[in-house]
N, C-alpha and C. Protein backbone atom coordinates (compact mmCIF):
# COMPACT_ATOMS: atom_id res chain seq x y z
N UNK A 1 -21.21 11.04 -43.19
CA UNK A 1 -20.61 9.73 -43.26
C UNK A 1 -19.22 9.72 -42.63
N UNK A 2 -18.42 10.78 -42.92
CA UNK A 2 -17.10 10.87 -42.33
C UNK A 2 -17.18 10.91 -40.80
N UNK A 3 -18.21 11.59 -40.30
CA UNK A 3 -18.37 11.72 -38.85
C UNK A 3 -18.54 10.34 -38.21
N UNK A 4 -19.32 9.46 -38.83
CA UNK A 4 -19.51 8.11 -38.29
C UNK A 4 -18.19 7.35 -38.28
N UNK A 5 -17.40 7.49 -39.35
CA UNK A 5 -16.11 6.80 -39.43
C UNK A 5 -15.17 7.31 -38.33
N UNK A 6 -15.16 8.60 -38.10
CA UNK A 6 -14.31 9.17 -37.06
C UNK A 6 -14.77 8.68 -35.68
N UNK A 7 -16.08 8.69 -35.43
CA UNK A 7 -16.60 8.21 -34.16
C UNK A 7 -16.29 6.73 -33.96
N UNK A 8 -16.39 5.95 -35.02
CA UNK A 8 -16.07 4.53 -34.92
C UNK A 8 -14.59 4.33 -34.59
N UNK A 9 -13.73 5.16 -35.17
CA UNK A 9 -12.30 5.08 -34.89
C UNK A 9 -12.02 5.39 -33.43
N UNK A 10 -12.68 6.43 -32.90
CA UNK A 10 -12.50 6.78 -31.49
C UNK A 10 -12.98 5.65 -30.58
N UNK A 11 -14.07 5.02 -30.95
CA UNK A 11 -14.59 3.91 -30.16
C UNK A 11 -13.59 2.75 -30.14
N UNK A 12 -12.97 2.47 -31.27
CA UNK A 12 -11.98 1.40 -31.34
C UNK A 12 -10.75 1.76 -30.50
N UNK A 13 -10.32 3.01 -30.55
CA UNK A 13 -9.17 3.44 -29.75
C UNK A 13 -9.47 3.37 -28.26
N UNK A 14 -10.68 3.71 -27.88
CA UNK A 14 -11.07 3.66 -26.47
C UNK A 14 -11.06 2.23 -25.96
N UNK A 15 -11.39 1.27 -26.81
CA UNK A 15 -11.41 -0.13 -26.41
C UNK A 15 -10.02 -0.75 -26.43
N UNK A 16 -9.07 -0.13 -27.11
CA UNK A 16 -7.72 -0.69 -27.27
C UNK A 16 -7.02 -0.96 -25.95
N UNK A 17 -7.06 -0.07 -24.95
CA UNK A 17 -6.36 -0.39 -23.70
C UNK A 17 -6.85 -1.67 -23.04
N UNK A 18 -8.12 -1.97 -23.16
CA UNK A 18 -8.65 -3.21 -22.58
C UNK A 18 -8.03 -4.42 -23.28
N UNK A 19 -7.89 -4.33 -24.58
CA UNK A 19 -7.32 -5.43 -25.35
C UNK A 19 -5.82 -5.49 -25.20
N UNK A 20 -5.18 -4.38 -24.81
CA UNK A 20 -3.72 -4.33 -24.71
C UNK A 20 -3.21 -4.89 -23.41
N UNK A 21 -4.03 -5.54 -22.62
CA UNK A 21 -3.62 -6.08 -21.34
C UNK A 21 -2.77 -7.33 -21.46
N UNK A 22 -2.22 -7.58 -22.62
CA UNK A 22 -1.37 -8.75 -22.84
C UNK A 22 -0.02 -8.30 -23.36
N UNK A 23 1.00 -9.09 -23.03
CA UNK A 23 2.33 -8.78 -23.53
C UNK A 23 2.46 -9.31 -24.94
N UNK A 24 3.58 -9.03 -25.58
CA UNK A 24 3.80 -9.48 -26.94
C UNK A 24 3.82 -10.99 -27.08
N UNK A 25 4.05 -11.71 -25.98
CA UNK A 25 4.09 -13.16 -26.04
C UNK A 25 2.71 -13.78 -25.92
N UNK A 26 1.71 -12.96 -25.67
CA UNK A 26 0.35 -13.48 -25.57
C UNK A 26 -0.05 -13.85 -24.15
N UNK A 27 0.86 -13.72 -23.18
CA UNK A 27 0.50 -14.05 -21.80
C UNK A 27 -0.07 -12.82 -21.11
N UNK A 28 -0.96 -13.05 -20.16
CA UNK A 28 -1.59 -11.95 -19.44
C UNK A 28 -0.58 -11.27 -18.52
N UNK A 29 -0.67 -9.97 -18.36
CA UNK A 29 0.18 -9.24 -17.44
C UNK A 29 -0.16 -9.61 -16.02
N UNK A 30 0.83 -9.53 -15.17
CA UNK A 30 0.58 -9.77 -13.76
C UNK A 30 -0.15 -8.56 -13.19
N UNK A 31 -1.18 -8.81 -12.39
CA UNK A 31 -1.86 -7.67 -11.78
C UNK A 31 -0.94 -6.99 -10.77
N UNK A 32 -1.14 -5.71 -10.56
CA UNK A 32 -0.36 -4.99 -9.57
C UNK A 32 -0.72 -5.55 -8.19
N UNK A 33 0.28 -5.71 -7.33
CA UNK A 33 -0.02 -6.22 -5.99
C UNK A 33 -0.79 -5.18 -5.17
N UNK A 34 -1.52 -5.64 -4.19
CA UNK A 34 -2.22 -4.76 -3.27
C UNK A 34 -1.20 -4.00 -2.42
N UNK A 35 -0.14 -4.70 -1.99
CA UNK A 35 0.96 -4.11 -1.24
C UNK A 35 2.24 -4.81 -1.64
N UNK A 36 3.26 -4.04 -1.99
CA UNK A 36 4.57 -4.59 -2.36
C UNK A 36 5.59 -4.14 -1.32
N UNK A 37 6.33 -5.11 -0.79
CA UNK A 37 7.42 -4.83 0.13
C UNK A 37 8.72 -5.22 -0.57
N UNK A 38 9.67 -4.29 -0.62
CA UNK A 38 10.92 -4.54 -1.32
C UNK A 38 12.09 -4.02 -0.49
N UNK A 39 13.29 -4.19 -1.02
CA UNK A 39 14.49 -3.71 -0.33
C UNK A 39 15.13 -4.81 0.48
N UNK A 40 15.54 -4.49 1.68
CA UNK A 40 16.24 -5.42 2.57
C UNK A 40 15.25 -6.36 3.25
N UNK A 41 14.74 -7.32 2.47
CA UNK A 41 13.76 -8.27 2.98
C UNK A 41 14.35 -9.67 2.97
N UNK A 42 13.84 -10.52 3.86
CA UNK A 42 14.36 -11.87 3.98
C UNK A 42 13.62 -12.90 3.15
N UNK A 43 12.36 -12.62 2.83
CA UNK A 43 11.55 -13.55 2.05
C UNK A 43 11.01 -12.84 0.81
N UNK A 44 10.92 -13.58 -0.28
CA UNK A 44 10.33 -13.02 -1.49
C UNK A 44 9.31 -14.01 -2.05
N UNK A 45 8.35 -13.47 -2.76
CA UNK A 45 7.39 -14.32 -3.47
C UNK A 45 7.15 -13.78 -4.87
N UNK A 46 8.03 -12.88 -5.30
CA UNK A 46 7.91 -12.27 -6.63
C UNK A 46 9.29 -12.20 -7.26
N UNK A 47 9.34 -12.48 -8.55
CA UNK A 47 10.60 -12.41 -9.27
C UNK A 47 10.92 -11.01 -9.74
N UNK A 48 10.12 -10.03 -9.34
CA UNK A 48 10.38 -8.66 -9.75
C UNK A 48 9.81 -8.31 -11.10
N UNK A 49 8.63 -8.80 -11.40
CA UNK A 49 7.98 -8.48 -12.66
C UNK A 49 7.29 -7.13 -12.52
N UNK A 50 7.61 -6.19 -13.40
CA UNK A 50 7.01 -4.87 -13.30
C UNK A 50 5.63 -4.84 -13.95
N UNK A 51 4.97 -3.69 -13.91
CA UNK A 51 3.61 -3.54 -14.43
C UNK A 51 3.48 -3.83 -15.91
N UNK A 52 4.59 -3.76 -16.66
CA UNK A 52 4.55 -4.02 -18.10
C UNK A 52 4.86 -5.48 -18.41
N UNK A 53 5.07 -6.29 -17.37
CA UNK A 53 5.35 -7.70 -17.59
C UNK A 53 6.82 -8.01 -17.79
N UNK A 54 7.71 -7.00 -17.62
CA UNK A 54 9.14 -7.21 -17.79
C UNK A 54 9.79 -7.46 -16.44
N UNK A 55 10.90 -8.19 -16.45
CA UNK A 55 11.63 -8.47 -15.22
C UNK A 55 12.43 -7.23 -14.84
N UNK A 56 12.10 -6.63 -13.69
CA UNK A 56 12.77 -5.41 -13.25
C UNK A 56 14.04 -5.72 -12.48
N UNK A 57 14.27 -6.98 -12.13
CA UNK A 57 15.45 -7.35 -11.36
C UNK A 57 15.27 -7.15 -9.87
N UNK A 58 14.22 -6.48 -9.44
CA UNK A 58 13.96 -6.24 -8.03
C UNK A 58 13.05 -7.33 -7.48
N UNK A 59 13.52 -7.99 -6.46
CA UNK A 59 12.69 -9.01 -5.83
C UNK A 59 11.87 -8.35 -4.74
N UNK A 60 10.69 -8.88 -4.52
CA UNK A 60 9.80 -8.26 -3.53
C UNK A 60 8.92 -9.32 -2.89
N UNK A 61 8.23 -8.89 -1.85
CA UNK A 61 7.18 -9.70 -1.25
C UNK A 61 5.88 -8.98 -1.56
N UNK A 62 5.06 -9.60 -2.38
CA UNK A 62 3.82 -8.98 -2.85
C UNK A 62 2.62 -9.61 -2.16
N UNK A 63 1.76 -8.76 -1.61
CA UNK A 63 0.51 -9.21 -1.03
C UNK A 63 -0.61 -8.97 -2.03
N UNK A 64 -1.40 -10.00 -2.29
CA UNK A 64 -2.66 -9.77 -2.98
C UNK A 64 -3.60 -9.17 -1.93
N UNK A 65 -4.70 -8.63 -2.36
CA UNK A 65 -5.65 -8.08 -1.40
C UNK A 65 -6.17 -9.19 -0.48
N UNK A 66 -6.45 -10.35 -1.04
CA UNK A 66 -6.97 -11.46 -0.23
C UNK A 66 -5.94 -11.91 0.82
N UNK A 67 -4.69 -12.01 0.43
CA UNK A 67 -3.64 -12.42 1.38
C UNK A 67 -3.46 -11.39 2.48
N UNK A 68 -3.52 -10.11 2.12
CA UNK A 68 -3.38 -9.06 3.12
C UNK A 68 -4.56 -9.10 4.09
N UNK A 69 -5.76 -9.25 3.57
CA UNK A 69 -6.95 -9.26 4.41
C UNK A 69 -7.02 -10.50 5.30
N UNK A 70 -6.27 -11.55 4.98
CA UNK A 70 -6.26 -12.77 5.78
C UNK A 70 -5.33 -12.66 7.00
N UNK A 71 -4.49 -11.61 7.05
CA UNK A 71 -3.61 -11.43 8.21
C UNK A 71 -4.43 -11.13 9.45
N UNK A 72 -3.95 -11.52 10.63
CA UNK A 72 -4.66 -11.19 11.87
C UNK A 72 -4.78 -9.67 12.02
N UNK A 73 -5.91 -9.21 12.54
CA UNK A 73 -6.13 -7.77 12.63
C UNK A 73 -6.03 -7.26 14.06
N UNK A 74 -5.73 -5.99 14.15
CA UNK A 74 -5.72 -5.25 15.40
C UNK A 74 -6.54 -3.99 15.16
N UNK A 75 -6.90 -3.31 16.22
CA UNK A 75 -7.64 -2.06 16.07
C UNK A 75 -6.98 -0.97 16.89
N UNK A 76 -7.12 0.24 16.40
CA UNK A 76 -6.69 1.44 17.11
C UNK A 76 -7.86 2.41 17.05
N UNK A 77 -8.30 2.87 18.20
CA UNK A 77 -9.34 3.89 18.25
C UNK A 77 -8.66 5.20 18.64
N UNK A 78 -8.71 6.15 17.74
CA UNK A 78 -8.00 7.40 17.94
C UNK A 78 -8.54 8.48 17.02
N UNK A 79 -8.23 9.71 17.34
CA UNK A 79 -8.49 10.84 16.43
C UNK A 79 -7.17 11.15 15.73
N UNK A 80 -7.26 11.75 14.56
CA UNK A 80 -6.07 12.23 13.86
C UNK A 80 -6.30 13.69 13.51
N UNK A 81 -5.31 14.30 12.94
CA UNK A 81 -5.46 15.67 12.47
C UNK A 81 -6.53 15.76 11.39
N UNK A 82 -6.76 14.64 10.69
CA UNK A 82 -7.65 14.63 9.53
C UNK A 82 -9.00 13.99 9.79
N UNK A 83 -9.14 13.31 10.94
CA UNK A 83 -10.39 12.59 11.23
C UNK A 83 -10.83 12.81 12.67
N UNK A 84 -12.12 12.65 12.90
CA UNK A 84 -12.63 12.57 14.27
C UNK A 84 -12.20 11.24 14.85
N UNK A 85 -12.46 11.05 16.12
CA UNK A 85 -12.13 9.77 16.77
C UNK A 85 -12.83 8.65 16.01
N UNK A 86 -12.04 7.68 15.57
CA UNK A 86 -12.53 6.56 14.77
C UNK A 86 -11.82 5.29 15.20
N UNK A 87 -12.39 4.17 14.80
CA UNK A 87 -11.75 2.88 15.03
C UNK A 87 -11.16 2.41 13.70
N UNK A 88 -9.85 2.24 13.70
CA UNK A 88 -9.13 1.80 12.51
C UNK A 88 -8.75 0.34 12.69
N UNK A 89 -8.89 -0.43 11.62
CA UNK A 89 -8.65 -1.88 11.67
C UNK A 89 -7.66 -2.27 10.58
N UNK A 90 -6.74 -3.14 10.96
CA UNK A 90 -5.76 -3.68 10.02
C UNK A 90 -4.72 -4.47 10.78
N UNK A 91 -3.84 -5.14 10.08
CA UNK A 91 -2.81 -5.92 10.77
C UNK A 91 -1.75 -5.01 11.39
N UNK A 92 -1.12 -5.51 12.44
CA UNK A 92 0.03 -4.81 12.99
C UNK A 92 1.09 -4.72 11.90
N UNK A 93 1.71 -3.58 11.77
CA UNK A 93 2.76 -3.40 10.77
C UNK A 93 3.89 -4.38 11.02
N UNK A 94 4.15 -4.68 12.28
CA UNK A 94 5.16 -5.66 12.65
C UNK A 94 4.85 -7.03 12.03
N UNK A 95 3.59 -7.44 12.05
CA UNK A 95 3.17 -8.71 11.45
C UNK A 95 3.37 -8.70 9.94
N UNK A 96 3.02 -7.58 9.31
CA UNK A 96 3.19 -7.45 7.85
C UNK A 96 4.66 -7.59 7.49
N UNK A 97 5.53 -6.92 8.24
CA UNK A 97 6.96 -6.96 7.96
C UNK A 97 7.53 -8.35 8.21
N UNK A 98 7.09 -9.01 9.27
CA UNK A 98 7.57 -10.36 9.56
C UNK A 98 7.17 -11.32 8.44
N UNK A 99 6.05 -11.09 7.79
CA UNK A 99 5.63 -11.92 6.66
C UNK A 99 6.64 -11.88 5.52
N UNK A 100 7.36 -10.77 5.41
CA UNK A 100 8.37 -10.60 4.36
C UNK A 100 9.78 -10.86 4.89
N UNK A 101 9.87 -11.40 6.10
CA UNK A 101 11.18 -11.72 6.66
C UNK A 101 11.97 -10.51 7.11
N UNK A 102 11.28 -9.46 7.53
CA UNK A 102 11.94 -8.22 7.96
C UNK A 102 11.89 -8.15 9.48
N UNK A 103 13.05 -7.85 10.09
CA UNK A 103 13.09 -7.75 11.55
C UNK A 103 13.75 -6.47 12.04
N UNK A 104 14.12 -5.58 11.13
CA UNK A 104 14.69 -4.29 11.53
C UNK A 104 14.82 -3.40 10.29
N UNK A 105 15.19 -2.15 10.54
CA UNK A 105 15.43 -1.22 9.43
C UNK A 105 14.50 -0.03 9.47
N UNK A 106 14.65 0.81 8.49
CA UNK A 106 13.76 1.95 8.30
C UNK A 106 12.82 1.61 7.16
N UNK A 107 11.54 1.90 7.37
CA UNK A 107 10.53 1.59 6.36
C UNK A 107 10.18 2.86 5.60
N UNK A 108 10.39 2.83 4.30
CA UNK A 108 10.05 3.97 3.45
C UNK A 108 8.74 3.64 2.76
N UNK A 109 7.71 4.35 3.16
CA UNK A 109 6.37 4.14 2.61
C UNK A 109 6.22 4.95 1.33
N UNK A 110 5.63 4.33 0.34
CA UNK A 110 5.35 5.00 -0.93
C UNK A 110 3.86 4.87 -1.18
N UNK A 111 3.29 5.91 -1.77
CA UNK A 111 1.84 5.97 -1.92
C UNK A 111 1.43 5.95 -3.39
N UNK A 112 0.12 5.89 -3.60
CA UNK A 112 -0.42 5.87 -4.95
C UNK A 112 0.04 7.06 -5.78
N UNK A 113 0.24 8.22 -5.13
CA UNK A 113 0.67 9.41 -5.87
C UNK A 113 2.18 9.66 -5.73
N UNK A 114 2.93 8.63 -5.33
CA UNK A 114 4.38 8.63 -5.21
C UNK A 114 4.95 9.52 -4.10
N UNK A 115 4.12 9.90 -3.14
CA UNK A 115 4.64 10.54 -1.93
C UNK A 115 5.41 9.48 -1.16
N UNK A 116 6.44 9.88 -0.44
CA UNK A 116 7.14 8.92 0.40
C UNK A 116 7.48 9.54 1.74
N UNK A 117 7.48 8.71 2.77
CA UNK A 117 7.85 9.12 4.12
C UNK A 117 8.34 7.88 4.85
N UNK A 118 9.19 8.09 5.85
CA UNK A 118 9.81 6.99 6.56
C UNK A 118 9.25 6.80 7.96
N UNK A 119 9.28 5.55 8.39
CA UNK A 119 8.91 5.18 9.75
C UNK A 119 10.04 4.33 10.29
N UNK A 120 10.58 4.68 11.47
CA UNK A 120 11.64 3.85 12.05
C UNK A 120 11.07 2.57 12.66
N UNK A 121 11.88 1.52 12.67
CA UNK A 121 11.46 0.23 13.21
C UNK A 121 11.00 0.37 14.66
N UNK A 122 11.65 1.24 15.42
CA UNK A 122 11.30 1.39 16.83
C UNK A 122 9.84 1.80 17.03
N UNK A 123 9.25 2.51 16.07
CA UNK A 123 7.83 2.89 16.18
C UNK A 123 6.91 1.67 16.14
N UNK A 124 7.28 0.66 15.35
CA UNK A 124 6.45 -0.54 15.25
C UNK A 124 6.33 -1.22 16.60
N UNK A 125 7.46 -1.28 17.31
CA UNK A 125 7.52 -1.96 18.60
C UNK A 125 6.90 -1.08 19.69
N UNK A 126 7.26 0.20 19.71
CA UNK A 126 6.82 1.09 20.79
C UNK A 126 5.32 1.39 20.74
N UNK A 127 4.79 1.67 19.54
CA UNK A 127 3.40 2.14 19.43
C UNK A 127 2.41 1.11 18.91
N UNK A 128 2.88 -0.01 18.39
CA UNK A 128 1.93 -0.98 17.82
C UNK A 128 1.22 -0.43 16.60
N UNK A 129 1.98 0.18 15.70
CA UNK A 129 1.43 0.78 14.48
C UNK A 129 0.71 -0.30 13.67
N UNK A 130 -0.44 0.05 13.12
CA UNK A 130 -1.15 -0.87 12.23
C UNK A 130 -1.16 -0.31 10.81
N UNK A 131 -1.40 -1.17 9.86
CA UNK A 131 -1.60 -0.76 8.48
C UNK A 131 -3.09 -0.92 8.23
N UNK A 132 -3.82 0.16 8.51
CA UNK A 132 -5.29 0.11 8.50
C UNK A 132 -5.84 -0.02 7.09
N UNK A 133 -6.83 -0.91 6.97
CA UNK A 133 -7.58 -1.06 5.71
C UNK A 133 -9.02 -0.61 5.87
N UNK A 134 -9.44 -0.36 7.14
CA UNK A 134 -10.82 0.03 7.41
C UNK A 134 -10.88 1.11 8.48
N UNK A 135 -11.90 1.92 8.38
CA UNK A 135 -12.19 2.96 9.37
C UNK A 135 -13.66 2.82 9.75
N UNK A 136 -13.91 2.63 11.03
CA UNK A 136 -15.28 2.45 11.54
C UNK A 136 -16.04 1.38 10.76
N UNK A 137 -15.36 0.29 10.45
CA UNK A 137 -15.99 -0.84 9.78
C UNK A 137 -16.14 -0.72 8.28
N UNK A 138 -15.70 0.38 7.70
CA UNK A 138 -15.81 0.57 6.24
C UNK A 138 -14.41 0.57 5.64
N UNK A 139 -14.28 -0.15 4.53
CA UNK A 139 -12.99 -0.22 3.85
C UNK A 139 -12.57 1.17 3.37
N UNK A 140 -11.30 1.45 3.52
CA UNK A 140 -10.73 2.69 3.00
C UNK A 140 -10.68 2.58 1.48
N UNK A 141 -11.02 3.64 0.79
CA UNK A 141 -10.97 3.63 -0.68
C UNK A 141 -9.75 4.42 -1.13
N UNK A 142 -9.35 4.20 -2.37
CA UNK A 142 -8.21 4.93 -2.92
C UNK A 142 -8.48 6.43 -2.96
N UNK A 143 -9.74 6.82 -2.99
CA UNK A 143 -10.08 8.25 -3.02
C UNK A 143 -10.07 8.86 -1.62
N UNK A 144 -10.16 8.02 -0.60
CA UNK A 144 -10.19 8.53 0.77
C UNK A 144 -9.35 7.63 1.67
N UNK A 145 -8.10 7.98 1.82
CA UNK A 145 -7.13 7.38 2.74
C UNK A 145 -6.57 6.04 2.30
N UNK A 146 -7.23 5.29 1.46
CA UNK A 146 -6.82 3.92 1.15
C UNK A 146 -5.92 3.82 -0.07
N UNK A 147 -5.46 2.63 -0.34
CA UNK A 147 -5.96 1.38 0.19
C UNK A 147 -5.53 1.11 1.64
N UNK A 148 -4.38 1.64 2.04
CA UNK A 148 -3.87 1.38 3.39
C UNK A 148 -3.37 2.67 4.03
N UNK A 149 -3.48 2.74 5.35
CA UNK A 149 -3.08 3.94 6.09
C UNK A 149 -2.28 3.51 7.32
N UNK A 150 -1.04 3.98 7.43
CA UNK A 150 -0.22 3.72 8.62
C UNK A 150 -0.84 4.49 9.78
N UNK A 151 -1.32 3.75 10.77
CA UNK A 151 -2.08 4.38 11.86
C UNK A 151 -1.41 4.14 13.20
N UNK A 152 -1.27 5.21 13.93
CA UNK A 152 -0.68 5.21 15.28
C UNK A 152 -1.79 5.46 16.31
N UNK A 153 -1.59 4.99 17.56
CA UNK A 153 -2.56 5.26 18.63
C UNK A 153 -2.32 6.65 19.23
N UNK A 154 -2.65 7.66 18.49
CA UNK A 154 -2.35 9.05 18.88
C UNK A 154 -3.00 9.44 20.21
N UNK A 155 -4.22 9.00 20.45
CA UNK A 155 -4.90 9.37 21.70
C UNK A 155 -4.18 8.79 22.92
N UNK A 156 -3.54 7.65 22.77
CA UNK A 156 -2.84 7.00 23.88
C UNK A 156 -1.50 7.69 24.16
N UNK A 157 -0.88 8.29 23.14
CA UNK A 157 0.42 8.95 23.27
C UNK A 157 0.35 10.36 22.68
N UNK A 158 -0.49 11.24 23.23
CA UNK A 158 -0.70 12.55 22.61
C UNK A 158 0.56 13.42 22.53
N UNK A 159 1.41 13.37 23.54
CA UNK A 159 2.62 14.20 23.51
C UNK A 159 3.63 13.72 22.48
N UNK A 160 3.80 12.40 22.39
CA UNK A 160 4.78 11.84 21.46
C UNK A 160 4.30 11.83 20.01
N UNK A 161 2.99 11.77 19.81
CA UNK A 161 2.46 11.60 18.45
C UNK A 161 1.74 12.85 17.93
N UNK A 162 2.22 14.00 18.35
CA UNK A 162 1.71 15.27 17.83
C UNK A 162 2.89 16.05 17.26
N UNK A 163 2.60 16.96 16.38
CA UNK A 163 3.64 17.77 15.76
C UNK A 163 3.98 17.26 14.37
N UNK A 164 4.76 18.04 13.64
CA UNK A 164 5.02 17.74 12.22
C UNK A 164 5.71 16.40 11.96
N UNK A 165 6.71 16.04 12.77
CA UNK A 165 7.42 14.77 12.51
C UNK A 165 6.48 13.59 12.73
N UNK A 166 5.79 13.58 13.85
CA UNK A 166 4.86 12.48 14.13
C UNK A 166 3.75 12.42 13.10
N UNK A 167 3.20 13.56 12.73
CA UNK A 167 2.09 13.58 11.77
C UNK A 167 2.53 13.13 10.38
N UNK A 168 3.80 13.32 10.05
CA UNK A 168 4.28 12.87 8.74
C UNK A 168 4.29 11.36 8.62
N UNK A 169 4.17 10.66 9.75
CA UNK A 169 4.19 9.20 9.76
C UNK A 169 2.80 8.58 9.66
N UNK A 170 1.77 9.39 9.69
CA UNK A 170 0.40 8.90 9.45
C UNK A 170 0.22 8.91 7.92
N UNK A 171 0.76 7.92 7.26
CA UNK A 171 0.86 7.91 5.80
C UNK A 171 -0.33 7.14 5.22
N UNK A 172 -1.08 7.82 4.35
CA UNK A 172 -2.24 7.16 3.73
C UNK A 172 -1.98 6.90 2.26
N UNK A 173 -2.86 6.14 1.65
CA UNK A 173 -2.77 5.67 0.26
C UNK A 173 -1.51 4.84 0.02
N UNK A 174 -1.12 4.08 1.02
CA UNK A 174 0.08 3.25 0.94
C UNK A 174 -0.17 2.06 0.02
N UNK A 175 0.79 1.83 -0.89
CA UNK A 175 0.74 0.61 -1.70
C UNK A 175 2.10 -0.06 -1.86
N UNK A 176 3.16 0.59 -1.32
CA UNK A 176 4.51 0.01 -1.39
C UNK A 176 5.29 0.41 -0.14
N UNK A 177 6.14 -0.49 0.30
CA UNK A 177 7.05 -0.20 1.41
C UNK A 177 8.42 -0.72 1.01
N UNK A 178 9.43 0.14 1.11
CA UNK A 178 10.80 -0.25 0.85
C UNK A 178 11.54 -0.29 2.18
N UNK A 179 12.24 -1.39 2.43
CA UNK A 179 12.96 -1.56 3.68
C UNK A 179 14.42 -1.20 3.45
N UNK A 180 14.93 -0.27 4.25
CA UNK A 180 16.34 0.13 4.18
C UNK A 180 17.03 -0.27 5.47
N UNK A 181 18.31 -0.62 5.35
CA UNK A 181 19.09 -1.07 6.51
C UNK A 181 19.26 0.04 7.53
């Protein structure tokens, strides 16, 4: 009998996180954005509400997945150190930044596992970097390169886009970008 009570308690605890998706005021938490752009940005569409529903004081430009997928797309067909030659699809990073009112600066990419790396603004203009959401027509998953991957046309610029510095800019699992002056 005790075993059933213990199992029932575990079942209730397992269900608790689903029920805890509300703040103390009874309002639903804001879902995490698909992509958050923060820092030195010209436009905002978020008051800086963090994952717990509290105001973090940081303003940002947040893309839902639908809004991000509605941006015009470009393609880059290239091989990387990690993939065979593939066609990557996504909006130009320049277009994404312009959506948030950004026209210069250094972009600090942050990933699902909190890795960070920087891309200079000059790369957006020189190479036509895209923020890929698909590879060979299939959406990138969080387990494999996604949700977003900063992609360069490596095959077109093999000398400039090889080596450790260049390869550090092929950033995958991107979900946040901070703009620094």
